């Protein structure tokens, strides 16, 4: 069971994110991730850690991040039910570059048919960056 918080069109994201992480930390302790951007989807700030959210919020990168113009954010704490907890690629949110632009996703839940679905996609030429069920 993971924890996810999303923010849309709010200011002061740095302090809100810190409060949000404090609220959901009990939902997962294997890693934490944070992604923020402007409303138009530009100027992404993306940070993932294989540690508690407090470590992410106390990091130099998070401290130096200027949040004046960012208004959208996703934060995630991981409690993995599949995928290696030591693999940073399994920490969400996931961010990808698509032909339509950047896409960020955070997921909480289990897929019982993960291996079957994964193999179907692999057979169709899809690529995976993690071994989690998300």
C-alpha atoms as a PDB file:
ATOM      1  CA  UNK A   1       0.000   0.000   0.000  1.00  0.00           C
ATOM      2  CA  UNK A   2       1.614   3.231  -1.177  1.00  0.00           C
ATOM      3  CA  UNK A   3       0.773   6.836  -0.469  1.00  0.00           C
ATOM      4  CA  UNK A   4       0.049   9.455  -3.115  1.00  0.00           C
ATOM      5  CA  UNK A   5      -0.662  13.183  -2.863  1.00  0.00           C
ATOM      6  CA  UNK A   6      -1.418  15.450  -5.798  1.00  0.00           C
ATOM      7  CA  UNK A   7      -1.504  19.224  -6.032  1.00  0.00           C
ATOM      8  CA  UNK A   8      -3.100  21.294  -8.772  1.00  0.00           C
ATOM      9  CA  UNK A   9      -2.919  25.065  -9.207  1.00  0.00           C
ATOM     10  CA  UNK A  10      -1.559  25.801  -5.740  1.00  0.00           C
ATOM     11  CA  UNK A  11       1.301  28.028  -4.647  1.00  0.00           C
ATOM     12  CA  UNK A  12       3.992  27.394  -2.026  1.00  0.00           C
ATOM     13  CA  UNK A  13       4.462  23.813  -3.208  1.00  0.00           C
ATOM     14  CA  UNK A  14       7.652  23.253  -1.264  1.00  0.00           C
ATOM     15  CA  UNK A  15       5.992  23.671   2.134  1.00  0.00           C
ATOM     16  CA  UNK A  16       2.810  21.901   1.023  1.00  0.00           C
ATOM     17  CA  UNK A  17       4.839  18.966  -0.285  1.00  0.00           C
ATOM     18  CA  UNK A  18       6.716  18.670   2.982  1.00  0.00           C
ATOM     19  CA  UNK A  19       3.391  18.597   4.859  1.00  0.00           C
ATOM     20  CA  UNK A  20       1.930  16.131   2.357  1.00  0.00           C
ATOM     21  CA  UNK A  21       4.829  13.737   2.759  1.00  0.00           C
ATOM     22  CA  UNK A  22       4.512  13.912   6.541  1.00  0.00           C
ATOM     23  CA  UNK A  23       0.843  12.962   6.181  1.00  0.00           C
ATOM     24  CA  UNK A  24       1.428   9.893   3.980  1.00  0.00           C
ATOM     25  CA  UNK A  25       4.823   8.617   5.203  1.00  0.00           C
ATOM     26  CA  UNK A  26       3.183   5.783   7.164  1.00  0.00           C
ATOM     27  CA  UNK A  27       1.890   4.360   3.846  1.00  0.00           C
ATOM     28  CA  UNK A  28       5.340   3.431   2.543  1.00  0.00           C
ATOM     29  CA  UNK A  29       8.954   3.514   3.674  1.00  0.00           C
ATOM     30  CA  UNK A  30      10.887   1.924   0.774  1.00  0.00           C
ATOM     31  CA  UNK A  31      11.295   5.132  -1.194  1.00  0.00           C
ATOM     32  CA  UNK A  32       9.843   8.523  -2.004  1.00  0.00           C
ATOM     33  CA  UNK A  33       9.394  10.523  -5.162  1.00  0.00           C
ATOM     34  CA  UNK A  34       8.337  14.030  -6.099  1.00  0.00           C
ATOM     35  CA  UNK A  35       7.588  15.736  -9.380  1.00  0.00           C
ATOM     36  CA  UNK A  36       6.457  19.342  -9.898  1.00  0.00           C
ATOM     37  CA  UNK A  37       5.923  21.613 -12.880  1.00  0.00           C
ATOM     38  CA  UNK A  38       4.319  24.795 -14.087  1.00  0.00           C
ATOM     39  CA  UNK A  39       0.651  24.607 -15.116  1.00  0.00           C
ATOM     40  CA  UNK A  40       1.675  24.362 -18.769  1.00  0.00           C
ATOM     41  CA  UNK A  41       3.762  21.273 -17.989  1.00  0.00           C
ATOM     42  CA  UNK A  42       7.132  22.938 -18.435  1.00  0.00           C
ATOM     43  CA  UNK A  43      10.087  23.227 -16.098  1.00  0.00           C
ATOM     44  CA  UNK A  44       9.822  19.845 -14.412  1.00  0.00           C
ATOM     45  CA  UNK A  45      11.484  19.291 -11.062  1.00  0.00           C
ATOM     46  CA  UNK A  46      11.861  15.553 -10.478  1.00  0.00           C
ATOM     47  CA  UNK A  47      13.444  13.814  -7.524  1.00  0.00           C
ATOM     48  CA  UNK A  48      13.371  10.217  -6.267  1.00  0.00           C
ATOM     49  CA  UNK A  49      15.093   8.665  -3.276  1.00  0.00           C
ATOM     50  CA  UNK A  50      15.340   5.148  -1.878  1.00  0.00           C
ATOM     51  CA  UNK A  51      14.647   6.522   1.573  1.00  0.00           C
ATOM     52  CA  UNK A  52      12.040   8.169   3.751  1.00  0.00           C
ATOM     53  CA  UNK A  53      10.347  11.291   2.428  1.00  0.00           C
ATOM     54  CA  UNK A  54      12.036  13.426   5.085  1.00  0.00           C
ATOM     55  CA  UNK A  55      15.378  12.586   3.494  1.00  0.00           C
ATOM     56  CA  UNK A  56      14.046  13.737   0.123  1.00  0.00           C
ATOM     57  CA  UNK A  57      12.701  16.996   1.596  1.00  0.00           C
ATOM     58  CA  UNK A  58      15.982  17.581   3.463  1.00  0.00           C
ATOM     59  CA  UNK A  59      18.126  16.996   0.356  1.00  0.00           C
ATOM     60  CA  UNK A  60      20.213  19.721  -1.244  1.00  0.00           C
ATOM     61  CA  UNK A  61      18.287  19.345  -4.513  1.00  0.00           C
ATOM     62  CA  UNK A  62      14.919  19.912  -2.835  1.00  0.00           C
ATOM     63  CA  UNK A  63      16.329  22.803  -0.808  1.00  0.00           C
ATOM     64  CA  UNK A  64      17.702  24.537  -3.933  1.00  0.00           C
ATOM     65  CA  UNK A  65      14.520  23.978  -5.969  1.00  0.00           C
ATOM     66  CA  UNK A  66      12.722  27.256  -6.707  1.00  0.00           C
ATOM     67  CA  UNK A  67       8.969  26.664  -6.437  1.00  0.00           C
ATOM     68  CA  UNK A  68       7.714  30.162  -7.278  1.00  0.00           C
ATOM     69  CA  UNK A  69       6.137  29.277 -10.610  1.00  0.00           C
ATOM     70  CA  UNK A  70       5.310  25.595 -10.121  1.00  0.00           C
ATOM     71  CA  UNK A  71       1.662  24.833  -9.456  1.00  0.00           C
ATOM     72  CA  UNK A  72       1.311  21.076 -10.099  1.00  0.00           C
ATOM     73  CA  UNK A  73       2.931  18.265  -8.146  1.00  0.00           C
ATOM     74  CA  UNK A  74       2.711  14.536  -7.466  1.00  0.00           C
ATOM     75  CA  UNK A  75       4.356  12.889  -4.494  1.00  0.00           C
ATOM     76  CA  UNK A  76       4.587   9.196  -3.755  1.00  0.00           C
ATOM     77  CA  UNK A  77       5.874   6.979  -0.951  1.00  0.00           C
ATOM     78  CA  UNK A  78       6.536   3.360  -1.844  1.00  0.00           C
ATOM     79  CA  UNK A  79       5.421   0.210  -0.119  1.00  0.00           C
ATOM     80  CA  UNK A  80       6.320  -2.284  -2.784  1.00  0.00           C
ATOM     81  CA  UNK A  81       4.295  -5.400  -3.382  1.00  0.00           C
ATOM     82  CA  UNK A  82       6.299  -6.252  -6.488  1.00  0.00           C
ATOM     83  CA  UNK A  83       9.581  -5.102  -7.919  1.00  0.00           C
ATOM     84  CA  UNK A  84      12.867  -4.785  -6.137  1.00  0.00           C
ATOM     85  CA  UNK A  85      12.889  -2.270  -3.268  1.00  0.00           C
ATOM     86  CA  UNK A  86      16.580  -1.602  -3.956  1.00  0.00           C
ATOM     87  CA  UNK A  87      15.915  -0.508  -7.557  1.00  0.00           C
ATOM     88  CA  UNK A  88      15.382   3.264  -7.758  1.00  0.00           C
ATOM     89  CA  UNK A  89      13.560   2.780 -11.065  1.00  0.00           C
ATOM     90  CA  UNK A  90      10.637   1.328  -9.070  1.00  0.00           C
ATOM     91  CA  UNK A  91      10.125   4.543  -7.107  1.00  0.00           C
ATOM     92  CA  UNK A  92       7.322   6.702  -8.410  1.00  0.00           C
ATOM     93  CA  UNK A  93       6.104   8.948  -9.807  1.00  0.00           C
ATOM     94  CA  UNK A  94       7.226   7.615 -13.148  1.00  0.00           C
ATOM     95  CA  UNK A  95       8.031  10.262 -15.736  1.00  0.00           C
ATOM     96  CA  UNK A  96       8.239   9.585 -19.440  1.00  0.00           C
ATOM     97  CA  UNK A  97       8.692  11.535 -22.619  1.00  0.00           C
ATOM     98  CA  UNK A  98       5.992  10.655 -25.145  1.00  0.00           C
ATOM     99  CA  UNK A  99       5.161  11.961 -28.591  1.00  0.00           C
ATOM    100  CA  UNK A 100       2.470  14.074 -26.904  1.00  0.00           C
ATOM    101  CA  UNK A 101       4.818  15.544 -24.295  1.00  0.00           C
ATOM    102  CA  UNK A 102       5.882  14.629 -20.781  1.00  0.00           C
ATOM    103  CA  UNK A 103       3.731  12.263 -18.747  1.00  0.00           C
ATOM    104  CA  UNK A 104       3.957  11.593 -15.004  1.00  0.00           C
ATOM    105  CA  UNK A 105       2.088   8.805 -13.227  1.00  0.00           C
ATOM    106  CA  UNK A 106       1.830   7.531  -9.660  1.00  0.00           C
ATOM    107  CA  UNK A 107      -0.050   4.323  -8.847  1.00  0.00           C
ATOM    108  CA  UNK A 108      -1.235   2.577  -5.708  1.00  0.00           C
ATOM    109  CA  UNK A 109      -2.541  -0.922  -5.956  1.00  0.00           C
ATOM    110  CA  UNK A 110      -1.756  -4.457  -6.983  1.00  0.00           C
ATOM    111  CA  UNK A 111      -2.133  -6.228 -10.292  1.00  0.00           C
ATOM    112  CA  UNK A 112      -2.543  -9.929  -9.861  1.00  0.00           C
ATOM    113  CA  UNK A 113      -1.916 -10.625 -13.539  1.00  0.00           C
ATOM    114  CA  UNK A 114       1.224  -8.516 -13.791  1.00  0.00           C
ATOM    115  CA  UNK A 115       3.457 -11.114 -15.417  1.00  0.00           C
ATOM    116  CA  UNK A 116       0.853 -12.075 -18.033  1.00  0.00           C
ATOM    117  CA  UNK A 117       0.158  -8.459 -18.961  1.00  0.00           C
ATOM    118  CA  UNK A 118       3.872  -7.608 -18.964  1.00  0.00           C
ATOM    119  CA  UNK A 119       4.677 -10.508 -21.295  1.00  0.00           C
ATOM    120  CA  UNK A 120       1.862  -9.489 -23.659  1.00  0.00           C
ATOM    121  CA  UNK A 121       3.251  -5.970 -23.858  1.00  0.00           C
ATOM    122  CA  UNK A 122       6.833  -7.196 -24.265  1.00  0.00           C
ATOM    123  CA  UNK A 123       5.726  -9.491 -27.093  1.00  0.00           C
ATOM    124  CA  UNK A 124       4.156  -6.419 -28.724  1.00  0.00           C
ATOM    125  CA  UNK A 125       7.408  -4.466 -28.555  1.00  0.00           C
ATOM    126  CA  UNK A 126       6.747  -2.347 -25.458  1.00  0.00           C
ATOM    127  CA  UNK A 127       9.600  -1.317 -23.162  1.00  0.00           C
ATOM    128  CA  UNK A 128       9.612  -1.312 -19.355  1.00  0.00           C
ATOM    129  CA  UNK A 129      11.923   0.658 -17.095  1.00  0.00           C
ATOM    130  CA  UNK A 130      11.012  -1.033 -13.817  1.00  0.00           C
ATOM    131  CA  UNK A 131       9.959  -4.435 -12.558  1.00  0.00           C
ATOM    132  CA  UNK A 132       7.089  -3.199 -10.389  1.00  0.00           C
ATOM    133  CA  UNK A 133       3.453  -3.950 -11.181  1.00  0.00           C
ATOM    134  CA  UNK A 134       2.846  -0.301 -12.024  1.00  0.00           C
END
